[in-house]
Amino acid sequence: MANRRSFLWSLAGLGLSARGLKAERPSDNSYRLRTPEGEVRMSIRYFAGSGAGSFMFRDDLTGRPLCFSASGEQDRNCLKRFVGSMAMARYQFHSRPVPLNLRERVVTIDQDDRMTPRPPFEREMAVERDVVSDIQAFGYTPHDAEARPESVWRLLRQDLYLNDQTAAFLILHWKHTVKLVSLVDVIPGEGTEIVG
């Protein structure tokens, strides 16, 4: 059954690079945002339909390798094999002072009927050296003996907040499938504008 195997991750990292994964699209999908606190550059890199790769990454700030578990734990119970797709959003802040954290709230807007509904979740990501990364991943582990859920999908809304703000500065809509995680819509929050 697809609901046991399929999962959604939103993993926080500092300046992450995927190791051993080939980007599906070039990383020129970027946005400059002007917020009341300063400018933010968001760049998205897509990794589509990876066969059975691991969840290994490299921290661009320290050069240190990192890995993640199926539940998003860093460097614990690392996922050795993953079939699915992911997108990596990198946020670089050009403001003084730089925000201390980027907070996200993710809710499911719609999904394939074969999937179990997921509750909303929130996570706080620390900003270090003006950068934070967020990984959106959707897939399953290949050791599961059940049929592969290649056609399942989920549509998500991700609200992003700076520090302790109560209003989102940016709203993103993501579509997750096993073959491709894609950014569907970018909606500036109140006081935020897309530049250029």
N, C-alpha and C. Protein backbone atom coordinates (compact mmCIF):
# COMPACT_ATOMS: atom_id res chain seq x y z
N MET A 1 0.84 -1.18 0.00
CA MET A 1 0.00 0.00 0.00
C MET A 1 0.88 1.24 0.00
N ALA A 2 0.58 2.19 -0.81
CA ALA A 2 1.42 3.38 -0.96
C ALA A 2 1.53 4.19 0.32
N ASN A 3 0.53 4.18 1.17
CA ASN A 3 0.56 5.03 2.35
C ASN A 3 1.63 4.63 3.36
N ARG A 4 2.08 3.39 3.38
CA ARG A 4 3.13 2.99 4.30
C ARG A 4 4.50 3.38 3.79
N ARG A 5 4.73 3.31 2.51
CA ARG A 5 6.05 3.52 1.96
C ARG A 5 6.34 4.94 1.55
N SER A 6 5.37 5.64 1.09
CA SER A 6 5.61 6.97 0.55
C SER A 6 5.76 7.95 1.69
N PHE A 7 6.66 8.89 1.53
CA PHE A 7 6.88 9.82 2.60
C PHE A 7 7.26 11.18 2.05
N LEU A 8 7.18 12.14 2.91
CA LEU A 8 7.56 13.51 2.59
C LEU A 8 8.60 13.92 3.59
N TRP A 9 9.65 14.53 3.10
CA TRP A 9 10.63 15.11 4.00
C TRP A 9 10.74 16.58 3.73
N SER A 10 10.96 17.31 4.71
CA SER A 10 11.41 18.68 4.57
C SER A 10 12.57 18.77 5.53
N LEU A 11 13.76 18.67 5.00
CA LEU A 11 14.96 18.58 5.83
C LEU A 11 15.68 19.92 5.86
N ALA A 12 16.12 20.28 7.01
CA ALA A 12 16.83 21.55 7.17
C ALA A 12 18.32 21.29 7.15
N GLY A 13 19.04 22.19 6.52
CA GLY A 13 20.48 22.14 6.54
C GLY A 13 21.02 23.54 6.39
N LEU A 14 22.31 23.66 6.45
CA LEU A 14 22.90 24.99 6.37
C LEU A 14 23.14 25.32 4.91
N GLY A 15 24.26 24.95 4.36
CA GLY A 15 24.50 25.15 2.95
C GLY A 15 24.76 23.78 2.37
N LEU A 16 23.73 23.06 1.98
CA LEU A 16 23.89 21.66 1.58
C LEU A 16 24.05 21.51 0.08
N SER A 17 24.83 20.50 -0.30
CA SER A 17 24.93 20.05 -1.69
C SER A 17 24.65 18.57 -1.70
N ALA A 18 23.91 18.11 -2.69
CA ALA A 18 23.65 16.68 -2.82
C ALA A 18 24.91 16.00 -3.33
N ARG A 19 25.26 14.87 -2.73
CA ARG A 19 26.42 14.11 -3.17
C ARG A 19 25.95 12.92 -3.97
N GLY A 20 26.54 12.71 -5.11
CA GLY A 20 26.20 11.54 -5.90
C GLY A 20 24.86 11.62 -6.60
N LEU A 21 24.24 12.77 -6.63
CA LEU A 21 22.97 12.92 -7.34
C LEU A 21 23.17 13.85 -8.52
N LYS A 22 22.51 13.54 -9.59
CA LYS A 22 22.61 14.37 -10.78
C LYS A 22 21.40 15.29 -10.85
N ALA A 23 21.65 16.57 -11.02
CA ALA A 23 20.55 17.52 -11.09
C ALA A 23 19.77 17.32 -12.38
N GLU A 24 18.44 17.34 -12.27
CA GLU A 24 17.57 17.18 -13.43
C GLU A 24 17.53 18.47 -14.24
N ARG A 25 17.45 19.60 -13.54
CA ARG A 25 17.40 20.89 -14.21
C ARG A 25 18.54 21.74 -13.67
N PRO A 26 19.03 22.70 -14.45
CA PRO A 26 20.08 23.57 -13.94
C PRO A 26 19.59 24.38 -12.75
N SER A 27 20.53 24.86 -11.95
CA SER A 27 20.17 25.57 -10.73
C SER A 27 19.92 27.05 -10.99
N ASP A 28 19.51 27.41 -12.20
CA ASP A 28 19.24 28.82 -12.50
C ASP A 28 17.82 29.23 -12.15
N ASN A 29 17.06 28.36 -11.52
CA ASN A 29 15.72 28.69 -11.07
C ASN A 29 15.85 29.43 -9.75
N SER A 30 16.00 30.74 -9.82
CA SER A 30 16.22 31.51 -8.60
C SER A 30 15.33 32.75 -8.56
N TYR A 31 15.15 33.24 -7.36
CA TYR A 31 14.28 34.39 -7.12
C TYR A 31 15.01 35.34 -6.17
N ARG A 32 14.93 36.62 -6.46
CA ARG A 32 15.39 37.65 -5.52
C ARG A 32 14.16 38.24 -4.88
N LEU A 33 14.15 38.25 -3.57
CA LEU A 33 13.01 38.74 -2.82
C LEU A 33 13.44 39.92 -1.96
N ARG A 34 12.62 40.94 -1.94
CA ARG A 34 12.87 42.08 -1.05
C ARG A 34 11.84 42.02 0.06
N THR A 35 12.32 41.90 1.30
CA THR A 35 11.45 41.86 2.48
C THR A 35 11.73 43.13 3.29
N PRO A 36 10.90 43.45 4.26
CA PRO A 36 11.18 44.60 5.12
C PRO A 36 12.52 44.46 5.86
N GLU A 37 13.00 43.23 6.05
CA GLU A 37 14.26 43.00 6.75
C GLU A 37 15.47 43.04 5.83
N GLY A 38 15.28 42.98 4.52
CA GLY A 38 16.40 42.96 3.57
C GLY A 38 16.10 42.03 2.41
N GLU A 39 17.14 41.72 1.64
CA GLU A 39 16.97 40.85 0.46
C GLU A 39 17.29 39.40 0.77
N VAL A 40 16.57 38.53 0.07
CA VAL A 40 16.77 37.08 0.17
C VAL A 40 16.87 36.55 -1.25
N ARG A 41 17.85 35.71 -1.50
CA ARG A 41 17.95 35.03 -2.79
C ARG A 41 17.61 33.56 -2.56
N MET A 42 16.56 33.10 -3.24
CA MET A 42 16.14 31.71 -3.14
C MET A 42 16.49 31.02 -4.46
N SER A 43 17.27 29.96 -4.40
CA SER A 43 17.58 29.20 -5.61
C SER A 43 17.14 27.75 -5.38
N ILE A 44 16.59 27.17 -6.44
CA ILE A 44 16.04 25.81 -6.36
C ILE A 44 16.82 24.92 -7.32
N ARG A 45 17.18 23.75 -6.83
CA ARG A 45 17.83 22.75 -7.67
C ARG A 45 17.00 21.47 -7.58
N TYR A 46 16.71 20.87 -8.72
CA TYR A 46 15.83 19.69 -8.78
C TYR A 46 16.65 18.44 -9.07
N PHE A 47 16.28 17.36 -8.38
CA PHE A 47 16.88 16.05 -8.59
C PHE A 47 15.72 15.09 -8.83
N ALA A 48 15.56 14.64 -10.06
CA ALA A 48 14.36 13.89 -10.44
C ALA A 48 14.63 12.40 -10.53
N GLY A 49 13.66 11.65 -10.05
CA GLY A 49 13.61 10.21 -10.24
C GLY A 49 14.89 9.46 -9.98
N SER A 50 15.57 9.74 -8.87
CA SER A 50 16.81 9.02 -8.59
C SER A 50 16.50 7.55 -8.35
N GLY A 51 17.33 6.69 -8.88
CA GLY A 51 17.11 5.26 -8.80
C GLY A 51 17.11 4.74 -7.39
N ALA A 52 18.25 4.50 -6.82
CA ALA A 52 18.35 4.00 -5.44
C ALA A 52 19.57 4.64 -4.81
N GLY A 53 19.51 5.93 -4.64
CA GLY A 53 20.64 6.64 -4.06
C GLY A 53 20.51 6.74 -2.55
N SER A 54 21.59 7.17 -1.92
CA SER A 54 21.56 7.37 -0.48
C SER A 54 21.17 8.82 -0.19
N PHE A 55 20.92 9.11 1.05
CA PHE A 55 20.59 10.47 1.45
C PHE A 55 21.83 11.11 2.05
N MET A 56 22.91 11.16 1.25
CA MET A 56 24.17 11.76 1.67
C MET A 56 24.29 13.15 1.05
N PHE A 57 24.75 14.10 1.87
CA PHE A 57 24.92 15.48 1.43
C PHE A 57 26.25 16.00 1.95
N ARG A 58 26.63 17.15 1.45
CA ARG A 58 27.84 17.81 1.93
C ARG A 58 27.45 19.20 2.39
N ASP A 59 27.93 19.57 3.57
CA ASP A 59 27.72 20.91 4.09
C ASP A 59 28.71 21.83 3.38
N ASP A 60 28.23 22.73 2.54
CA ASP A 60 29.11 23.63 1.78
C ASP A 60 29.91 24.56 2.68
N LEU A 61 29.43 24.83 3.88
CA LEU A 61 30.12 25.75 4.78
C LEU A 61 31.32 25.10 5.46
N THR A 62 31.20 23.81 5.82
CA THR A 62 32.27 23.13 6.54
C THR A 62 32.95 22.04 5.72
N GLY A 63 32.33 21.63 4.61
CA GLY A 63 32.87 20.53 3.81
C GLY A 63 32.56 19.17 4.41
N ARG A 64 31.88 19.12 5.51
CA ARG A 64 31.58 17.89 6.24
C ARG A 64 30.43 17.13 5.58
N PRO A 65 30.56 15.79 5.45
CA PRO A 65 29.44 15.01 4.91
C PRO A 65 28.33 14.88 5.96
N LEU A 66 27.08 14.84 5.47
CA LEU A 66 25.91 14.67 6.32
C LEU A 66 25.02 13.61 5.71
N CYS A 67 24.22 12.96 6.54
CA CYS A 67 23.20 12.06 6.01
C CYS A 67 21.95 12.21 6.85
N PHE A 68 20.83 11.73 6.32
CA PHE A 68 19.55 11.87 7.00
C PHE A 68 18.81 10.54 7.04
N SER A 69 17.99 10.38 8.07
CA SER A 69 17.15 9.19 8.21
C SER A 69 15.82 9.44 7.49
N ALA A 70 14.97 8.43 7.45
CA ALA A 70 13.65 8.58 6.82
C ALA A 70 12.78 9.57 7.57
N SER A 71 13.06 9.79 8.85
CA SER A 71 12.26 10.75 9.62
C SER A 71 12.92 12.12 9.69
N GLY A 72 14.07 12.31 9.00
CA GLY A 72 14.71 13.61 8.95
C GLY A 72 15.79 13.83 9.99
N GLU A 73 16.13 12.81 10.77
CA GLU A 73 17.20 12.95 11.75
C GLU A 73 18.54 13.04 11.04
N GLN A 74 19.37 13.97 11.48
CA GLN A 74 20.68 14.16 10.87
C GLN A 74 21.70 13.23 11.49
N ASP A 75 22.46 12.52 10.64
CA ASP A 75 23.55 11.64 11.04
C ASP A 75 23.14 10.52 12.00
N ARG A 76 21.88 10.09 11.94
CA ARG A 76 21.39 8.96 12.73
C ARG A 76 20.48 8.11 11.85
N ASN A 77 20.66 6.81 11.89
CA ASN A 77 19.84 5.88 11.12
C ASN A 77 19.73 6.33 9.66
N CYS A 78 20.85 6.66 9.08
CA CYS A 78 20.88 7.23 7.73
C CYS A 78 20.25 6.30 6.70
N LEU A 79 19.47 6.91 5.83
CA LEU A 79 18.80 6.18 4.77
C LEU A 79 19.83 5.79 3.72
N LYS A 80 20.00 4.50 3.52
CA LYS A 80 21.02 4.01 2.59
C LYS A 80 20.53 3.96 1.15
N ARG A 81 19.23 3.72 0.99
CA ARG A 81 18.68 3.62 -0.36
C ARG A 81 17.36 4.37 -0.42
N PHE A 82 17.19 5.12 -1.48
CA PHE A 82 16.01 5.97 -1.65
C PHE A 82 15.65 5.97 -3.12
N VAL A 83 14.38 5.74 -3.43
CA VAL A 83 13.87 5.84 -4.79
C VAL A 83 12.86 6.97 -4.77
N GLY A 84 13.09 7.99 -5.56
CA GLY A 84 12.18 9.12 -5.59
C GLY A 84 12.84 10.35 -6.15
N SER A 85 12.31 11.50 -5.77
CA SER A 85 12.83 12.75 -6.30
C SER A 85 12.97 13.75 -5.16
N MET A 86 13.73 14.81 -5.42
CA MET A 86 13.87 15.86 -4.41
C MET A 86 14.19 17.18 -5.07
N ALA A 87 13.96 18.22 -4.29
CA ALA A 87 14.35 19.58 -4.69
C ALA A 87 15.05 20.20 -3.49
N MET A 88 16.07 20.98 -3.75
CA MET A 88 16.80 21.64 -2.69
C MET A 88 16.65 23.14 -2.87
N ALA A 89 16.06 23.79 -1.87
CA ALA A 89 15.91 25.25 -1.88
C ALA A 89 17.00 25.82 -0.97
N ARG A 90 17.74 26.78 -1.51
CA ARG A 90 18.81 27.43 -0.76
C ARG A 90 18.45 28.90 -0.62
N TYR A 91 18.48 29.38 0.62
CA TYR A 91 18.14 30.77 0.93
C TYR A 91 19.40 31.49 1.39
N GLN A 92 19.75 32.55 0.70
CA GLN A 92 20.90 33.36 1.09
C GLN A 92 20.39 34.75 1.45
N PHE A 93 20.75 35.20 2.64
CA PHE A 93 20.24 36.46 3.16
C PHE A 93 21.25 37.58 2.97
N HIS A 94 20.76 38.71 2.47
CA HIS A 94 21.57 39.91 2.27
C HIS A 94 20.93 41.02 3.09
N SER A 95 21.06 40.90 4.38
CA SER A 95 20.46 41.89 5.27
C SER A 95 21.31 42.00 6.52
N ARG A 96 21.20 43.09 7.18
CA ARG A 96 21.89 43.29 8.45
C ARG A 96 20.89 43.81 9.45
N PRO A 97 20.67 43.16 10.56
CA PRO A 97 21.28 41.88 10.89
C PRO A 97 20.63 40.73 10.10
N VAL A 98 21.38 39.65 9.95
CA VAL A 98 20.86 38.47 9.26
C VAL A 98 19.88 37.76 10.20
N PRO A 99 18.77 37.25 9.67
CA PRO A 99 17.83 36.51 10.53
C PRO A 99 18.53 35.35 11.25
N LEU A 100 18.09 35.04 12.43
CA LEU A 100 18.64 33.92 13.20
C LEU A 100 18.10 32.59 12.73
N ASN A 101 16.84 32.61 12.24
CA ASN A 101 16.25 31.36 11.79
C ASN A 101 15.18 31.62 10.73
N LEU A 102 14.92 30.55 10.01
CA LEU A 102 13.85 30.50 9.02
C LEU A 102 12.91 29.41 9.53
N ARG A 103 11.66 29.75 9.72
CA ARG A 103 10.67 28.81 10.23
C ARG A 103 9.72 28.43 9.10
N GLU A 104 9.34 27.18 9.05
CA GLU A 104 8.40 26.72 8.04
C GLU A 104 7.20 26.06 8.68
N ARG A 105 6.08 26.19 8.01
CA ARG A 105 4.85 25.44 8.35
C ARG A 105 4.36 24.85 7.04
N VAL A 106 4.19 23.53 7.02
CA VAL A 106 3.81 22.83 5.80
C VAL A 106 2.49 22.11 6.02
N VAL A 107 1.55 22.34 5.11
CA VAL A 107 0.26 21.66 5.15
C VAL A 107 -0.02 21.02 3.79
N THR A 108 -0.74 19.91 3.83
CA THR A 108 -1.13 19.24 2.59
C THR A 108 -2.39 19.92 2.06
N ILE A 109 -2.32 20.34 0.80
CA ILE A 109 -3.48 20.97 0.14
C ILE A 109 -4.36 19.89 -0.49
N ASP A 110 -3.72 18.93 -1.15
CA ASP A 110 -4.44 17.85 -1.82
C ASP A 110 -3.46 16.70 -2.00
N GLN A 111 -3.99 15.49 -2.23
CA GLN A 111 -3.10 14.35 -2.44
C GLN A 111 -3.85 13.21 -3.10
N ASP A 112 -3.08 12.25 -3.58
CA ASP A 112 -3.61 11.03 -4.16
C ASP A 112 -4.47 10.31 -3.12
N ASP A 113 -5.61 9.78 -3.53
CA ASP A 113 -6.53 9.09 -2.61
C ASP A 113 -5.91 7.88 -1.94
N ARG A 114 -4.86 7.32 -2.53
CA ARG A 114 -4.23 6.12 -1.96
C ARG A 114 -3.29 6.44 -0.80
N MET A 115 -3.08 7.70 -0.51
CA MET A 115 -2.15 8.08 0.55
C MET A 115 -2.88 8.45 1.83
N THR A 116 -2.24 8.19 2.95
CA THR A 116 -2.79 8.55 4.25
C THR A 116 -2.55 10.04 4.48
N PRO A 117 -3.56 10.78 4.95
CA PRO A 117 -3.35 12.21 5.21
C PRO A 117 -2.25 12.44 6.24
N ARG A 118 -1.51 13.52 6.06
CA ARG A 118 -0.44 13.89 6.99
C ARG A 118 -0.84 15.14 7.74
N PRO A 119 -0.54 15.20 9.02
CA PRO A 119 -0.84 16.41 9.78
C PRO A 119 0.12 17.54 9.38
N PRO A 120 -0.26 18.79 9.58
CA PRO A 120 0.66 19.90 9.32
C PRO A 120 1.89 19.75 10.21
N PHE A 121 3.02 20.26 9.76
CA PHE A 121 4.18 20.26 10.63
C PHE A 121 4.94 21.56 10.51
N GLU A 122 5.69 21.85 11.56
CA GLU A 122 6.51 23.06 11.62
C GLU A 122 7.93 22.68 11.98
N ARG A 123 8.87 23.45 11.45
CA ARG A 123 10.28 23.22 11.75
C ARG A 123 11.00 24.56 11.69
N GLU A 124 11.98 24.70 12.54
CA GLU A 124 12.81 25.89 12.55
C GLU A 124 14.20 25.52 12.05
N MET A 125 14.73 26.34 11.14
CA MET A 125 16.04 26.09 10.56
C MET A 125 16.97 27.24 10.91
N ALA A 126 18.09 26.94 11.54
CA ALA A 126 19.05 27.98 11.92
C ALA A 126 19.76 28.52 10.68
N VAL A 127 19.94 29.82 10.63
CA VAL A 127 20.68 30.47 9.55
C VAL A 127 22.13 30.62 10.02
N GLU A 128 23.08 30.12 9.25
CA GLU A 128 24.50 30.26 9.58
C GLU A 128 25.22 30.80 8.36
N ARG A 129 26.06 31.77 8.63
CA ARG A 129 26.82 32.44 7.55
C ARG A 129 25.90 32.90 6.43
N ASP A 130 24.76 33.44 6.81
CA ASP A 130 23.79 34.02 5.88
C ASP A 130 23.04 33.01 5.01
N VAL A 131 23.16 31.70 5.29
CA VAL A 131 22.59 30.68 4.40
C VAL A 131 21.83 29.63 5.19
N VAL A 132 20.74 29.13 4.60
CA VAL A 132 20.04 27.94 5.09
C VAL A 132 19.48 27.20 3.87
N SER A 133 19.45 25.86 3.95
CA SER A 133 18.90 25.05 2.86
C SER A 133 17.74 24.21 3.37
N ASP A 134 16.82 23.90 2.46
CA ASP A 134 15.66 23.09 2.79
C ASP A 134 15.52 22.05 1.68
N ILE A 135 15.37 20.79 2.06
CA ILE A 135 15.24 19.71 1.07
C ILE A 135 13.81 19.21 1.09
N GLN A 136 13.18 19.18 -0.07
CA GLN A 136 11.86 18.57 -0.26
C GLN A 136 12.11 17.24 -0.96
N ALA A 137 11.69 16.13 -0.34
CA ALA A 137 11.92 14.81 -0.94
C ALA A 137 10.65 13.98 -0.83
N PHE A 138 10.46 13.13 -1.83
CA PHE A 138 9.27 12.29 -1.89
C PHE A 138 9.66 10.98 -2.54
N GLY A 139 9.42 9.87 -1.87
CA GLY A 139 9.78 8.58 -2.44
C GLY A 139 9.58 7.46 -1.45
N TYR A 140 10.36 6.41 -1.63
CA TYR A 140 10.23 5.23 -0.79
C TYR A 140 11.55 4.47 -0.77
N THR A 141 11.64 3.50 0.14
CA THR A 141 12.84 2.66 0.20
C THR A 141 12.59 1.43 -0.66
N PRO A 142 13.57 1.04 -1.48
CA PRO A 142 13.34 -0.04 -2.45
C PRO A 142 13.25 -1.43 -1.83
N HIS A 143 13.62 -1.61 -0.56
CA HIS A 143 13.55 -2.94 0.05
C HIS A 143 12.12 -3.35 0.38
N ASP A 144 11.17 -2.43 0.29
CA ASP A 144 9.77 -2.75 0.54
C ASP A 144 9.28 -3.67 -0.58
N ALA A 145 8.67 -4.78 -0.22
CA ALA A 145 8.28 -5.79 -1.21
C ALA A 145 7.01 -5.44 -1.98
N GLU A 146 6.27 -4.43 -1.53
CA GLU A 146 5.02 -4.09 -2.19
C GLU A 146 5.27 -3.41 -3.54
N ALA A 147 4.23 -3.30 -4.34
CA ALA A 147 4.35 -2.65 -5.65
C ALA A 147 4.77 -1.19 -5.49
N ARG A 148 5.54 -0.69 -6.42
CA ARG A 148 6.03 0.68 -6.35
C ARG A 148 4.92 1.68 -6.68
N PRO A 149 4.78 2.71 -5.85
CA PRO A 149 3.71 3.69 -6.05
C PRO A 149 4.14 4.83 -6.98
N GLU A 150 4.47 4.51 -8.21
CA GLU A 150 5.00 5.52 -9.13
C GLU A 150 4.03 6.66 -9.43
N SER A 151 2.74 6.42 -9.28
CA SER A 151 1.78 7.45 -9.68
C SER A 151 1.21 8.27 -8.52
N VAL A 152 1.63 8.01 -7.28
CA VAL A 152 1.09 8.79 -6.16
C VAL A 152 1.66 10.21 -6.18
N TRP A 153 0.93 11.14 -5.59
CA TRP A 153 1.34 12.54 -5.60
C TRP A 153 0.78 13.24 -4.36
N ARG A 154 1.37 14.41 -4.08
CA ARG A 154 0.91 15.24 -2.96
C ARG A 154 1.19 16.70 -3.32
N LEU A 155 0.24 17.59 -3.02
CA LEU A 155 0.39 19.03 -3.24
C LEU A 155 0.47 19.69 -1.86
N LEU A 156 1.52 20.50 -1.65
CA LEU A 156 1.78 21.09 -0.34
C LEU A 156 1.87 22.60 -0.39
N ARG A 157 1.54 23.22 0.73
CA ARG A 157 1.74 24.65 0.93
C ARG A 157 2.77 24.80 2.04
N GLN A 158 3.83 25.56 1.75
CA GLN A 158 4.89 25.82 2.71
C GLN A 158 4.93 27.32 2.99
N ASP A 159 4.61 27.71 4.22
CA ASP A 159 4.70 29.11 4.64
C ASP A 159 6.04 29.30 5.34
N LEU A 160 6.78 30.35 4.95
CA LEU A 160 8.09 30.62 5.53
C LEU A 160 8.07 31.92 6.32
N TYR A 161 8.67 31.89 7.50
CA TYR A 161 8.70 33.02 8.42
C TYR A 161 10.15 33.31 8.81
N LEU A 162 10.45 34.57 9.03
CA LEU A 162 11.77 34.97 9.53
C LEU A 162 11.67 35.20 11.03
N ASN A 163 12.61 34.63 11.77
CA ASN A 163 12.67 34.78 13.22
C ASN A 163 11.31 34.50 13.85
N ASP A 164 10.78 35.42 14.65
CA ASP A 164 9.52 35.17 15.35
C ASP A 164 8.32 35.88 14.70
N GLN A 165 8.43 36.18 13.41
CA GLN A 165 7.32 36.84 12.71
C GLN A 165 6.07 35.96 12.75
N THR A 166 4.91 36.62 12.81
CA THR A 166 3.66 35.87 12.80
C THR A 166 3.05 35.78 11.40
N ALA A 167 3.52 36.61 10.48
CA ALA A 167 3.04 36.58 9.09
C ALA A 167 4.15 36.03 8.19
N ALA A 168 3.78 35.12 7.30
CA ALA A 168 4.76 34.53 6.38
C ALA A 168 5.30 35.60 5.43
N PHE A 169 6.60 35.57 5.19
CA PHE A 169 7.17 36.48 4.19
C PHE A 169 7.13 35.84 2.81
N LEU A 170 6.92 34.50 2.76
CA LEU A 170 6.89 33.80 1.48
C LEU A 170 6.04 32.55 1.62
N ILE A 171 5.23 32.27 0.58
CA ILE A 171 4.40 31.07 0.54
C ILE A 171 4.76 30.31 -0.74
N LEU A 172 5.10 29.04 -0.58
CA LEU A 172 5.47 28.20 -1.72
C LEU A 172 4.49 27.04 -1.83
N HIS A 173 4.12 26.69 -3.06
CA HIS A 173 3.31 25.51 -3.32
C HIS A 173 4.22 24.51 -4.05
N TRP A 174 4.28 23.30 -3.51
CA TRP A 174 5.11 22.23 -4.07
C TRP A 174 4.23 21.08 -4.52
N LYS A 175 4.59 20.45 -5.64
CA LYS A 175 3.96 19.19 -6.04
C LYS A 175 5.03 18.11 -5.92
N HIS A 176 4.69 17.06 -5.19
CA HIS A 176 5.62 15.96 -4.98
C HIS A 176 5.12 14.73 -5.71
N THR A 177 5.97 14.15 -6.54
CA THR A 177 5.72 12.84 -7.15
C THR A 177 7.01 12.05 -7.01
N VAL A 178 6.96 10.75 -7.25
CA VAL A 178 8.16 9.93 -7.19
C VAL A 178 9.14 10.35 -8.28
N LYS A 179 8.63 10.81 -9.42
CA LYS A 179 9.51 11.17 -10.53
C LYS A 179 10.02 12.61 -10.49
N LEU A 180 9.28 13.53 -9.80
CA LEU A 180 9.72 14.93 -9.78
C LEU A 180 9.07 15.70 -8.64
N VAL A 181 9.88 16.40 -7.88
CA VAL A 181 9.38 17.39 -6.92
C VAL A 181 9.49 18.72 -7.64
N SER A 182 8.40 19.48 -7.71
CA SER A 182 8.45 20.73 -8.45
C SER A 182 7.81 21.87 -7.66
N LEU A 183 8.36 23.05 -7.84
CA LEU A 183 7.81 24.26 -7.25
C LEU A 183 6.73 24.77 -8.20
N VAL A 184 5.49 24.82 -7.72
CA VAL A 184 4.34 25.17 -8.55
C VAL A 184 4.06 26.67 -8.52
N ASP A 185 4.22 27.29 -7.34
CA ASP A 185 3.86 28.70 -7.20
C ASP A 185 4.71 29.35 -6.12
N VAL A 186 5.06 30.63 -6.34
CA VAL A 186 5.80 31.45 -5.38
C VAL A 186 4.94 32.68 -5.11
N ILE A 187 4.50 32.82 -3.87
CA ILE A 187 3.60 33.91 -3.51
C ILE A 187 4.27 34.76 -2.44
N PRO A 188 4.60 36.02 -2.75
CA PRO A 188 5.19 36.88 -1.73
C PRO A 188 4.20 37.18 -0.62
N GLY A 189 4.68 37.18 0.62
CA GLY A 189 3.84 37.56 1.75
C GLY A 189 3.72 39.07 1.83
N GLU A 190 2.98 39.55 2.82
CA GLU A 190 2.79 40.98 2.98
C GLU A 190 4.13 41.66 3.23
N GLY A 191 4.42 42.71 2.46
CA GLY A 191 5.67 43.45 2.60
C GLY A 191 6.83 42.85 1.80
N THR A 192 6.60 41.71 1.13
CA THR A 192 7.65 41.07 0.33
C THR A 192 7.33 41.25 -1.15
N GLU A 193 8.36 41.49 -1.95
CA GLU A 193 8.17 41.56 -3.39
C GLU A 193 9.25 40.80 -4.10
N ILE A 194 8.89 40.23 -5.25
CA ILE A 194 9.86 39.54 -6.10
C ILE A 194 10.54 40.60 -6.94
N VAL A 195 11.87 40.62 -6.94
CA VAL A 195 12.65 41.65 -7.64
C VAL A 195 13.20 41.04 -8.94
N GLY A 196 12.99 41.73 -10.05
CA GLY A 196 13.59 41.33 -11.32
C GLY A 196 12.98 40.16 -12.00
